[in-house]
Each structure stands twice: as structure tokens, then as C-alpha cells.
């Protein structure tokens, strides 16, 4: 019985120049290629050629960043079911992820609820609500939105960073399983 082959990224991060790495993987953190650059500067080995290992290293780079850098990464994310989505101004990854959660099919009442919660959340925390929507529907997202509005700023910043790291991991796994990004 053979052992299953690990899921590998192509091109292999360990073989990439800095420019090549940021070209292929710099966008897994929304408008924040510096995360991939920081991972490259740490030194990538063949162990980082899997989505999970690269995601772990990139996540560590974000966790070790200053709070100002973290806030900028959070602020680079779009509102869920927000005006950018309605205008078709999201990145390809965000568009696919939000549609996968059914956010492009909200009723007018649901859109109004998202708009209200997006506004209340940004007013309280100073950055947009971020959640890894893969596997969730709009009802679960709205429930998480309402629950997380009760957090304090420090907890919510950490929660947003954890969610962003999950999003990046999902994006890297998608790239390893789909050839459209290679």
C-alpha cells in the first residue's frame, strides 16, 4: 500500500525567487505581499512547498508583525456583502469566497443587515469584520458578526488575524488543487 503524496504548491515556494514568490503567493494576504516577502526572507525549504507549511510560516510572519502592520492587513479586507462586492470591485479570491458563502444572494433585508453590522463593527473597532467564510453560509456569518461585536478591541484584532491566517491557508490549498493559479 502506497503512502498518499502530500499536496504541493506549484511553483514550489522553495525554488522561487522573491519576485516569483510574491507574484504567485503574495496576494493570499489581501493587498499585503509583504507577508510573503517576510516568509521568503526567513528562508524557504522544500518543507514549505506544501500549502499548510507555507501558510504556517506566513501566518507566523503576520503574528510577529507590529500591531500597526496587522491593522493594515485587516483594513485591506473588504466588507462582507458590502459596496465593493456590489460594484464588482473585490479581488478574484474575495469574490469567489463571498459567492461560495451565498453573500451574493442576500435578500434586501440581509444586505441591509450586513450594511448595518459592517458600519457598527468598523465604528467600534476601526477595521472591517473579517471571517473565513469557507464552509459558512450568510446566516452563520451574520450570527458570528453579532457575537464578535461584543469583543474588546484587542481580542477582536487577534480574532481577525486568526481568521486572515485561515483565509490564506484556504487560498493556498485552493491553489495547490487548482491549476488556474500556477
N, C-alpha and C. Protein backbone atom coordinates (compact mmCIF):
# COMPACT_ATOMS: atom_id res chain seq x y z
N UNK A 1 0.85 -1.18 0.00
CA UNK A 1 0.00 0.00 0.00
C UNK A 1 0.89 1.24 0.00
N UNK A 2 0.62 2.15 -0.92
CA UNK A 2 1.47 3.34 -1.03
C UNK A 2 0.94 4.47 -0.14
N UNK A 3 1.86 5.30 0.25
CA UNK A 3 1.52 6.46 1.07
C UNK A 3 1.04 7.58 0.15
N UNK A 4 -0.05 8.26 0.49
CA UNK A 4 -0.52 9.35 -0.38
C UNK A 4 0.51 10.47 -0.43
N UNK A 5 0.65 11.04 -1.62
CA UNK A 5 1.58 12.15 -1.82
C UNK A 5 1.01 13.40 -1.16
N UNK A 6 1.89 14.20 -0.53
CA UNK A 6 1.40 15.45 0.05
C UNK A 6 0.98 16.43 -1.05
N UNK A 7 0.05 17.28 -0.73
CA UNK A 7 -0.39 18.32 -1.64
C UNK A 7 0.74 19.34 -1.76
N UNK A 8 1.19 19.61 -2.98
CA UNK A 8 2.31 20.53 -3.19
C UNK A 8 1.87 21.75 -3.99
N UNK A 9 2.50 22.86 -3.68
CA UNK A 9 2.26 24.10 -4.42
C UNK A 9 3.13 24.11 -5.67
N UNK A 10 2.62 24.72 -6.72
CA UNK A 10 3.37 24.88 -7.95
C UNK A 10 3.18 26.31 -8.44
N UNK A 11 4.26 27.05 -8.58
CA UNK A 11 5.64 26.64 -8.41
C UNK A 11 5.98 26.41 -6.93
N UNK A 12 6.99 25.58 -6.72
CA UNK A 12 7.43 25.26 -5.36
C UNK A 12 8.01 26.51 -4.71
N UNK A 13 7.46 26.94 -3.57
CA UNK A 13 7.98 28.14 -2.91
C UNK A 13 9.49 28.08 -2.64
N UNK A 14 10.01 26.89 -2.33
CA UNK A 14 11.44 26.77 -2.03
C UNK A 14 12.32 27.05 -3.24
N UNK A 15 11.75 27.00 -4.44
CA UNK A 15 12.50 27.24 -5.67
C UNK A 15 12.28 28.65 -6.22
N UNK A 16 11.43 29.42 -5.56
CA UNK A 16 11.06 30.75 -6.06
C UNK A 16 12.05 31.83 -5.66
N UNK A 17 12.28 32.75 -6.58
CA UNK A 17 12.94 34.00 -6.23
C UNK A 17 11.93 34.82 -5.44
N UNK A 18 12.38 35.90 -4.83
CA UNK A 18 11.47 36.77 -4.10
C UNK A 18 10.36 37.28 -5.02
N UNK A 19 10.74 37.72 -6.21
CA UNK A 19 9.76 38.26 -7.16
C UNK A 19 8.74 37.19 -7.57
N UNK A 20 9.24 35.97 -7.82
CA UNK A 20 8.35 34.89 -8.23
C UNK A 20 7.40 34.49 -7.09
N UNK A 21 7.92 34.44 -5.87
CA UNK A 21 7.08 34.10 -4.73
C UNK A 21 5.97 35.13 -4.54
N UNK A 22 6.32 36.40 -4.60
CA UNK A 22 5.29 37.42 -4.41
C UNK A 22 4.30 37.44 -5.58
N UNK A 23 4.77 37.10 -6.77
CA UNK A 23 3.86 37.03 -7.92
C UNK A 23 2.83 35.92 -7.74
N UNK A 24 3.28 34.76 -7.28
CA UNK A 24 2.37 33.61 -7.17
C UNK A 24 1.62 33.52 -5.85
N UNK A 25 2.22 34.03 -4.76
CA UNK A 25 1.62 33.82 -3.44
C UNK A 25 1.46 35.11 -2.63
N UNK A 26 1.92 36.22 -3.15
CA UNK A 26 1.85 37.48 -2.41
C UNK A 26 0.45 37.99 -2.18
N UNK A 27 -0.50 37.52 -2.97
CA UNK A 27 -1.87 38.02 -2.84
C UNK A 27 -2.76 37.15 -1.94
N UNK A 28 -2.21 36.08 -1.34
CA UNK A 28 -3.07 35.29 -0.45
C UNK A 28 -3.43 36.08 0.80
N UNK A 29 -2.62 37.06 1.13
CA UNK A 29 -2.97 38.04 2.16
C UNK A 29 -3.40 39.29 1.40
N UNK A 30 -4.65 39.62 1.51
CA UNK A 30 -5.30 40.69 0.74
C UNK A 30 -4.45 41.96 0.67
N UNK A 31 -3.99 42.29 -0.53
CA UNK A 31 -3.22 43.52 -0.78
C UNK A 31 -2.04 43.69 0.18
N UNK A 32 -1.43 42.58 0.60
CA UNK A 32 -0.33 42.63 1.58
C UNK A 32 0.80 41.67 1.19
N UNK A 33 1.48 41.91 0.06
CA UNK A 33 2.54 41.00 -0.37
C UNK A 33 3.73 40.95 0.58
N UNK A 34 3.82 41.91 1.49
CA UNK A 34 4.95 41.91 2.42
C UNK A 34 4.97 40.65 3.30
N UNK A 35 3.81 40.01 3.48
CA UNK A 35 3.77 38.79 4.30
C UNK A 35 4.55 37.68 3.59
N UNK A 36 4.33 37.53 2.29
CA UNK A 36 5.09 36.53 1.51
C UNK A 36 6.56 36.90 1.47
N UNK A 37 6.85 38.18 1.33
CA UNK A 37 8.25 38.64 1.31
C UNK A 37 8.95 38.30 2.62
N UNK A 38 8.27 38.51 3.74
CA UNK A 38 8.85 38.20 5.05
C UNK A 38 9.10 36.70 5.19
N UNK A 39 8.18 35.88 4.66
CA UNK A 39 8.37 34.43 4.71
C UNK A 39 9.59 34.04 3.87
N UNK A 40 9.73 34.62 2.70
CA UNK A 40 10.86 34.33 1.82
C UNK A 40 12.17 34.70 2.52
N UNK A 41 12.17 35.85 3.19
CA UNK A 41 13.37 36.31 3.89
C UNK A 41 13.75 35.39 5.05
N UNK A 42 12.80 34.66 5.59
CA UNK A 42 13.09 33.69 6.66
C UNK A 42 13.84 32.49 6.11
N UNK A 43 13.70 32.27 4.81
CA UNK A 43 14.33 31.13 4.17
C UNK A 43 13.33 30.00 3.99
N UNK A 44 13.05 29.69 2.75
CA UNK A 44 12.09 28.63 2.44
C UNK A 44 12.83 27.37 2.04
N UNK A 45 12.40 26.26 2.59
CA UNK A 45 12.97 24.95 2.26
C UNK A 45 11.89 24.13 1.56
N UNK A 46 12.26 22.93 1.13
CA UNK A 46 11.27 22.05 0.49
C UNK A 46 10.10 21.75 1.42
N UNK A 47 10.33 21.83 2.72
CA UNK A 47 9.24 21.61 3.68
C UNK A 47 8.13 22.65 3.51
N UNK A 48 8.47 23.82 2.96
CA UNK A 48 7.48 24.90 2.77
C UNK A 48 6.74 24.81 1.44
N UNK A 49 6.93 23.73 0.71
CA UNK A 49 6.28 23.58 -0.59
C UNK A 49 4.85 23.06 -0.47
N UNK A 50 4.39 22.77 0.75
CA UNK A 50 3.01 22.36 0.95
C UNK A 50 2.19 23.58 1.38
N UNK A 51 0.91 23.58 1.06
CA UNK A 51 0.08 24.71 1.47
C UNK A 51 0.09 24.94 2.98
N UNK A 52 0.01 23.87 3.76
CA UNK A 52 -0.03 24.02 5.21
C UNK A 52 1.25 24.61 5.76
N UNK A 53 2.40 24.14 5.27
CA UNK A 53 3.68 24.65 5.79
C UNK A 53 3.91 26.10 5.40
N UNK A 54 3.60 26.45 4.15
CA UNK A 54 3.77 27.85 3.74
C UNK A 54 2.78 28.73 4.50
N UNK A 55 1.56 28.25 4.67
CA UNK A 55 0.55 29.01 5.43
C UNK A 55 1.01 29.22 6.86
N UNK A 56 1.60 28.20 7.46
CA UNK A 56 2.07 28.32 8.84
C UNK A 56 3.16 29.38 8.96
N UNK A 57 4.13 29.35 8.04
CA UNK A 57 5.21 30.34 8.08
C UNK A 57 4.68 31.75 7.80
N UNK A 58 3.84 31.89 6.81
CA UNK A 58 3.29 33.21 6.50
C UNK A 58 2.43 33.71 7.67
N UNK A 59 1.68 32.83 8.29
CA UNK A 59 0.88 33.21 9.45
C UNK A 59 1.75 33.69 10.59
N UNK A 60 2.86 33.03 10.79
CA UNK A 60 3.81 33.43 11.83
C UNK A 60 4.35 34.83 11.55
N UNK A 61 4.61 35.12 10.27
CA UNK A 61 5.11 36.45 9.90
C UNK A 61 4.07 37.52 10.27
N UNK A 62 2.80 37.23 10.02
CA UNK A 62 1.74 38.18 10.36
C UNK A 62 1.60 38.31 11.87
N UNK A 63 1.65 37.19 12.58
CA UNK A 63 1.52 37.25 14.04
C UNK A 63 2.67 38.01 14.69
N UNK A 64 3.86 37.94 14.10
CA UNK A 64 5.02 38.63 14.65
C UNK A 64 5.11 40.09 14.21
N UNK A 65 4.26 40.51 13.31
CA UNK A 65 4.27 41.88 12.81
C UNK A 65 3.80 42.84 13.90
N UNK A 66 4.12 44.09 13.71
CA UNK A 66 3.66 45.12 14.65
C UNK A 66 2.13 45.22 14.58
N UNK A 67 1.54 45.76 15.62
CA UNK A 67 0.08 45.91 15.61
C UNK A 67 -0.35 46.84 14.47
N UNK A 68 0.46 47.85 14.14
CA UNK A 68 0.13 48.73 13.01
C UNK A 68 0.09 47.95 11.70
N UNK A 69 1.08 47.06 11.48
CA UNK A 69 1.09 46.25 10.27
C UNK A 69 -0.11 45.30 10.25
N UNK A 70 -0.43 44.73 11.39
CA UNK A 70 -1.58 43.83 11.46
C UNK A 70 -2.87 44.57 11.12
N UNK A 71 -3.02 45.75 11.68
CA UNK A 71 -4.23 46.55 11.41
C UNK A 71 -4.33 46.86 9.91
N UNK A 72 -3.20 47.17 9.27
CA UNK A 72 -3.23 47.45 7.83
C UNK A 72 -3.67 46.24 7.03
N UNK A 73 -3.25 45.05 7.45
CA UNK A 73 -3.68 43.83 6.76
C UNK A 73 -5.19 43.63 6.96
N UNK A 74 -5.66 43.84 8.17
CA UNK A 74 -7.10 43.72 8.43
C UNK A 74 -7.86 44.74 7.59
N UNK A 75 -7.38 45.97 7.57
CA UNK A 75 -8.06 47.03 6.82
C UNK A 75 -8.06 46.79 5.31
N UNK A 76 -7.16 45.94 4.82
CA UNK A 76 -7.11 45.64 3.39
C UNK A 76 -8.25 44.72 2.96
N UNK A 77 -8.96 44.14 3.92
CA UNK A 77 -10.07 43.25 3.60
C UNK A 77 -11.35 44.03 3.34
N UNK A 78 -12.14 43.55 2.39
CA UNK A 78 -13.40 44.24 2.06
C UNK A 78 -14.49 43.92 3.08
N UNK A 79 -15.48 44.77 3.12
CA UNK A 79 -16.68 44.48 3.90
C UNK A 79 -17.36 43.26 3.30
N UNK A 80 -17.96 42.45 4.13
CA UNK A 80 -18.73 41.32 3.63
C UNK A 80 -20.06 41.82 3.09
N UNK A 81 -20.39 41.37 1.88
CA UNK A 81 -21.63 41.78 1.21
C UNK A 81 -21.74 43.30 1.18
N UNK A 82 -20.61 43.96 1.01
CA UNK A 82 -20.57 45.42 1.04
C UNK A 82 -20.61 46.05 -0.34
N UNK A 83 -20.38 47.36 -0.37
CA UNK A 83 -20.47 48.13 -1.61
C UNK A 83 -19.46 47.67 -2.66
N UNK A 84 -18.24 47.28 -2.23
CA UNK A 84 -17.23 46.81 -3.19
C UNK A 84 -17.71 45.52 -3.86
N UNK A 85 -18.34 44.65 -3.09
CA UNK A 85 -18.86 43.41 -3.67
C UNK A 85 -19.96 43.73 -4.67
N UNK A 86 -20.84 44.63 -4.31
CA UNK A 86 -21.96 45.00 -5.18
C UNK A 86 -21.45 45.64 -6.48
N UNK A 87 -20.33 46.37 -6.39
CA UNK A 87 -19.79 47.06 -7.56
C UNK A 87 -18.81 46.19 -8.35
N UNK A 88 -18.57 44.96 -7.89
CA UNK A 88 -17.64 44.07 -8.58
C UNK A 88 -16.19 44.47 -8.42
N UNK A 89 -15.85 45.08 -7.28
CA UNK A 89 -14.50 45.60 -7.07
C UNK A 89 -13.64 44.74 -6.15
N UNK A 90 -14.07 43.53 -5.84
CA UNK A 90 -13.30 42.65 -4.97
C UNK A 90 -12.21 41.93 -5.75
N UNK A 91 -11.20 41.42 -5.04
CA UNK A 91 -10.22 40.56 -5.69
C UNK A 91 -10.93 39.29 -6.13
N UNK A 92 -10.31 38.54 -7.04
CA UNK A 92 -10.91 37.29 -7.51
C UNK A 92 -11.14 36.34 -6.34
N UNK A 93 -10.16 36.23 -5.43
CA UNK A 93 -10.31 35.34 -4.27
C UNK A 93 -11.51 35.76 -3.42
N UNK A 94 -11.61 37.04 -3.09
CA UNK A 94 -12.72 37.51 -2.24
C UNK A 94 -14.07 37.31 -2.92
N UNK A 95 -14.14 37.57 -4.21
CA UNK A 95 -15.39 37.37 -4.95
C UNK A 95 -15.83 35.92 -4.87
N UNK A 96 -14.90 35.00 -5.13
CA UNK A 96 -15.21 33.56 -5.09
C UNK A 96 -15.63 33.13 -3.69
N UNK A 97 -14.89 33.59 -2.68
CA UNK A 97 -15.19 33.20 -1.30
C UNK A 97 -16.55 33.72 -0.85
N UNK A 98 -16.85 34.99 -1.14
CA UNK A 98 -18.13 35.55 -0.72
C UNK A 98 -19.29 34.87 -1.46
N UNK A 99 -19.11 34.58 -2.75
CA UNK A 99 -20.16 33.89 -3.51
C UNK A 99 -20.35 32.48 -2.97
N UNK A 100 -19.26 31.81 -2.59
CA UNK A 100 -19.35 30.46 -2.04
C UNK A 100 -20.16 30.40 -0.76
N UNK A 101 -20.18 31.51 -0.02
CA UNK A 101 -20.97 31.58 1.21
C UNK A 101 -22.37 32.12 0.95
N UNK A 102 -22.69 32.38 -0.31
CA UNK A 102 -24.02 32.87 -0.66
C UNK A 102 -24.24 34.35 -0.40
N UNK A 103 -23.14 35.10 -0.19
CA UNK A 103 -23.30 36.51 0.11
C UNK A 103 -23.75 37.32 -1.10
N UNK A 104 -23.60 36.75 -2.28
CA UNK A 104 -24.08 37.42 -3.49
C UNK A 104 -25.56 37.16 -3.72
N UNK A 105 -26.20 36.39 -2.82
CA UNK A 105 -27.61 36.05 -2.97
C UNK A 105 -28.45 36.54 -1.79
N UNK A 106 -27.94 37.51 -1.08
CA UNK A 106 -28.67 38.05 0.08
C UNK A 106 -29.95 38.74 -0.36
N UNK A 107 -30.95 38.64 0.48
CA UNK A 107 -32.18 39.39 0.26
C UNK A 107 -31.89 40.86 0.58
N UNK A 108 -32.76 41.77 0.16
CA UNK A 108 -32.55 43.19 0.51
C UNK A 108 -32.42 43.39 2.03
N UNK A 109 -33.20 42.65 2.80
CA UNK A 109 -33.12 42.75 4.26
C UNK A 109 -31.78 42.28 4.79
N UNK A 110 -31.26 41.19 4.21
CA UNK A 110 -29.95 40.69 4.63
C UNK A 110 -28.84 41.66 4.24
N UNK A 111 -28.92 42.23 3.05
CA UNK A 111 -27.93 43.24 2.66
C UNK A 111 -27.97 44.42 3.63
N UNK A 112 -29.16 44.84 3.99
CA UNK A 112 -29.29 45.96 4.95
C UNK A 112 -28.67 45.57 6.29
N UNK A 113 -28.88 44.34 6.72
CA UNK A 113 -28.30 43.87 7.98
C UNK A 113 -26.77 43.86 7.90
N UNK A 114 -26.23 43.35 6.80
CA UNK A 114 -24.77 43.37 6.61
C UNK A 114 -24.25 44.81 6.62
N UNK A 115 -24.94 45.70 5.94
CA UNK A 115 -24.51 47.10 5.88
C UNK A 115 -24.49 47.72 7.29
N UNK A 116 -25.54 47.47 8.06
CA UNK A 116 -25.62 47.98 9.43
C UNK A 116 -24.48 47.41 10.29
N UNK A 117 -24.29 46.07 10.22
CA UNK A 117 -23.26 45.43 11.04
C UNK A 117 -21.85 45.85 10.61
N UNK A 118 -21.62 45.98 9.29
CA UNK A 118 -20.32 46.46 8.81
C UNK A 118 -20.02 47.84 9.40
N UNK A 119 -21.01 48.71 9.39
CA UNK A 119 -20.84 50.07 9.91
C UNK A 119 -20.60 50.07 11.42
N UNK A 120 -21.42 49.32 12.16
CA UNK A 120 -21.28 49.27 13.62
C UNK A 120 -19.93 48.67 14.01
N UNK A 121 -19.52 47.65 13.30
CA UNK A 121 -18.26 46.97 13.60
C UNK A 121 -17.08 47.92 13.36
N UNK A 122 -17.08 48.57 12.19
CA UNK A 122 -15.97 49.48 11.87
C UNK A 122 -15.93 50.67 12.83
N UNK A 123 -17.11 51.14 13.24
CA UNK A 123 -17.15 52.24 14.20
C UNK A 123 -16.54 51.83 15.54
N UNK A 124 -16.82 50.60 15.96
CA UNK A 124 -16.31 50.13 17.25
C UNK A 124 -14.82 49.77 17.20
N UNK A 125 -14.39 49.08 16.13
CA UNK A 125 -13.04 48.53 16.10
C UNK A 125 -12.06 49.30 15.20
N UNK A 126 -12.55 50.06 14.25
CA UNK A 126 -11.66 50.80 13.36
C UNK A 126 -11.13 49.98 12.19
N UNK A 127 -11.68 48.80 11.99
CA UNK A 127 -11.30 47.96 10.85
C UNK A 127 -12.50 47.08 10.50
N UNK A 128 -12.49 46.51 9.28
CA UNK A 128 -13.63 45.70 8.86
C UNK A 128 -13.68 44.33 9.53
N UNK A 129 -14.87 43.79 9.61
CA UNK A 129 -15.10 42.43 10.12
C UNK A 129 -14.50 41.45 9.13
N UNK A 130 -13.67 40.53 9.62
CA UNK A 130 -13.06 39.52 8.77
C UNK A 130 -13.36 38.14 9.35
N UNK A 131 -13.82 37.27 8.48
CA UNK A 131 -14.08 35.88 8.86
C UNK A 131 -13.79 35.00 7.65
N UNK A 132 -13.22 33.84 7.89
CA UNK A 132 -13.01 32.86 6.82
C UNK A 132 -14.38 32.27 6.50
N UNK A 133 -14.94 32.65 5.37
CA UNK A 133 -16.32 32.28 5.05
C UNK A 133 -16.46 30.87 4.49
N UNK A 134 -15.35 30.24 4.11
CA UNK A 134 -15.42 28.90 3.53
C UNK A 134 -16.13 27.95 4.50
N UNK A 135 -17.16 27.29 4.02
CA UNK A 135 -17.93 26.35 4.84
C UNK A 135 -19.04 27.00 5.63
N UNK A 136 -19.17 28.31 5.55
CA UNK A 136 -20.23 29.03 6.28
C UNK A 136 -21.28 29.54 5.29
N UNK A 137 -22.48 29.76 5.79
CA UNK A 137 -23.49 30.43 4.97
C UNK A 137 -23.73 31.82 5.56
N UNK A 138 -24.53 32.60 4.88
CA UNK A 138 -24.73 34.00 5.32
C UNK A 138 -25.36 34.09 6.70
N UNK A 139 -26.17 33.10 7.08
CA UNK A 139 -26.79 33.13 8.41
C UNK A 139 -25.76 32.92 9.51
N UNK A 140 -24.83 31.98 9.29
CA UNK A 140 -23.76 31.73 10.26
C UNK A 140 -22.83 32.95 10.34
N UNK A 141 -22.60 33.59 9.21
CA UNK A 141 -21.73 34.77 9.19
C UNK A 141 -22.38 35.92 9.95
N UNK A 142 -23.67 36.14 9.73
CA UNK A 142 -24.37 37.19 10.47
C UNK A 142 -24.36 36.91 11.97
N UNK A 143 -24.53 35.66 12.36
CA UNK A 143 -24.51 35.30 13.78
C UNK A 143 -23.12 35.57 14.38
N UNK A 144 -22.05 35.22 13.65
CA UNK A 144 -20.69 35.48 14.13
C UNK A 144 -20.43 36.98 14.23
N UNK A 145 -20.93 37.72 13.26
CA UNK A 145 -20.81 39.18 13.24
C UNK A 145 -21.37 39.75 14.54
N UNK A 146 -22.60 39.38 14.85
CA UNK A 146 -23.28 39.90 16.04
C UNK A 146 -22.57 39.49 17.32
N UNK A 147 -22.09 38.25 17.37
CA UNK A 147 -21.39 37.77 18.56
C UNK A 147 -20.06 38.51 18.75
N UNK A 148 -19.31 38.69 17.67
CA UNK A 148 -17.99 39.31 17.79
C UNK A 148 -18.07 40.81 18.06
N UNK A 149 -19.19 41.43 17.82
CA UNK A 149 -19.36 42.85 18.18
C UNK A 149 -19.23 43.05 19.68
N UNK A 150 -19.38 42.00 20.47
CA UNK A 150 -19.26 42.09 21.92
C UNK A 150 -17.82 42.01 22.42
N UNK A 151 -16.88 41.67 21.54
CA UNK A 151 -15.47 41.57 21.94
C UNK A 151 -14.87 42.94 22.20
N UNK A 152 -13.74 42.95 22.93
CA UNK A 152 -12.99 44.20 23.04
C UNK A 152 -12.02 44.27 21.87
N UNK A 153 -11.40 45.43 21.69
CA UNK A 153 -10.57 45.68 20.51
C UNK A 153 -9.39 44.70 20.43
N UNK A 154 -8.70 44.43 21.52
CA UNK A 154 -7.54 43.54 21.49
C UNK A 154 -7.94 42.12 21.09
N UNK A 155 -9.01 41.63 21.66
CA UNK A 155 -9.47 40.27 21.33
C UNK A 155 -9.92 40.23 19.88
N UNK A 156 -10.60 41.26 19.44
CA UNK A 156 -11.11 41.26 18.07
C UNK A 156 -9.99 41.39 17.05
N UNK A 157 -8.96 42.16 17.36
CA UNK A 157 -7.82 42.25 16.44
C UNK A 157 -7.17 40.87 16.31
N UNK A 158 -6.98 40.18 17.43
CA UNK A 158 -6.38 38.83 17.39
C UNK A 158 -7.29 37.86 16.65
N UNK A 159 -8.59 37.96 16.86
CA UNK A 159 -9.54 37.08 16.16
C UNK A 159 -9.49 37.34 14.66
N UNK A 160 -9.44 38.60 14.27
CA UNK A 160 -9.35 38.95 12.84
C UNK A 160 -8.07 38.39 12.23
N UNK A 161 -6.95 38.50 12.94
CA UNK A 161 -5.68 37.96 12.44
C UNK A 161 -5.78 36.44 12.28
N UNK A 162 -6.35 35.76 13.25
CA UNK A 162 -6.53 34.31 13.14
C UNK A 162 -7.40 33.95 11.94
N UNK A 163 -8.45 34.72 11.70
CA UNK A 163 -9.32 34.47 10.55
C UNK A 163 -8.59 34.73 9.24
N UNK A 164 -7.77 35.75 9.19
CA UNK A 164 -6.99 36.07 7.98
C UNK A 164 -6.01 34.94 7.68
N UNK A 165 -5.40 34.40 8.71
CA UNK A 165 -4.48 33.27 8.53
C UNK A 165 -5.24 32.06 7.99
N UNK A 166 -6.44 31.82 8.47
CA UNK A 166 -7.28 30.72 7.94
C UNK A 166 -7.62 30.95 6.48
N UNK A 167 -7.96 32.20 6.14
CA UNK A 167 -8.28 32.54 4.76
C UNK A 167 -7.08 32.24 3.86
N UNK A 168 -5.89 32.67 4.29
CA UNK A 168 -4.68 32.44 3.50
C UNK A 168 -4.42 30.94 3.31
N UNK A 169 -4.62 30.16 4.36
CA UNK A 169 -4.42 28.70 4.26
C UNK A 169 -5.40 28.12 3.24
N UNK A 170 -6.67 28.50 3.30
CA UNK A 170 -7.65 28.02 2.32
C UNK A 170 -7.23 28.42 0.91
N UNK A 171 -6.75 29.63 0.73
CA UNK A 171 -6.34 30.10 -0.59
C UNK A 171 -5.15 29.30 -1.12
N UNK A 172 -4.19 29.00 -0.26
CA UNK A 172 -3.04 28.21 -0.68
C UNK A 172 -3.46 26.78 -1.04
N UNK A 173 -4.35 26.20 -0.26
CA UNK A 173 -4.85 24.86 -0.58
C UNK A 173 -5.57 24.88 -1.92
N UNK A 174 -6.38 25.90 -2.15
CA UNK A 174 -7.08 26.03 -3.43
C UNK A 174 -6.10 26.11 -4.59
N UNK A 175 -5.01 26.84 -4.39
CA UNK A 175 -4.01 26.98 -5.47
C UNK A 175 -3.29 25.67 -5.74
N UNK A 176 -3.09 24.87 -4.70
CA UNK A 176 -2.41 23.58 -4.89
C UNK A 176 -3.33 22.57 -5.57
N UNK A 177 -4.63 22.74 -5.43
CA UNK A 177 -5.58 21.79 -6.02
C UNK A 177 -6.15 22.27 -7.35
N UNK A 178 -5.97 23.54 -7.68
CA UNK A 178 -6.46 24.09 -8.95
C UNK A 178 -5.28 24.61 -9.75
N UNK A 179 -5.26 24.29 -11.00
CA UNK A 179 -4.13 24.73 -11.83
C UNK A 179 -4.29 26.13 -12.38
N UNK A 180 -5.43 26.77 -12.15
CA UNK A 180 -5.67 28.09 -12.77
C UNK A 180 -4.74 29.17 -12.20
N UNK A 181 -4.10 28.94 -11.06
CA UNK A 181 -3.22 29.96 -10.49
C UNK A 181 -1.75 29.71 -10.80
N UNK A 182 -1.41 28.54 -11.30
CA UNK A 182 0.02 28.24 -11.48
C UNK A 182 0.56 28.74 -12.79
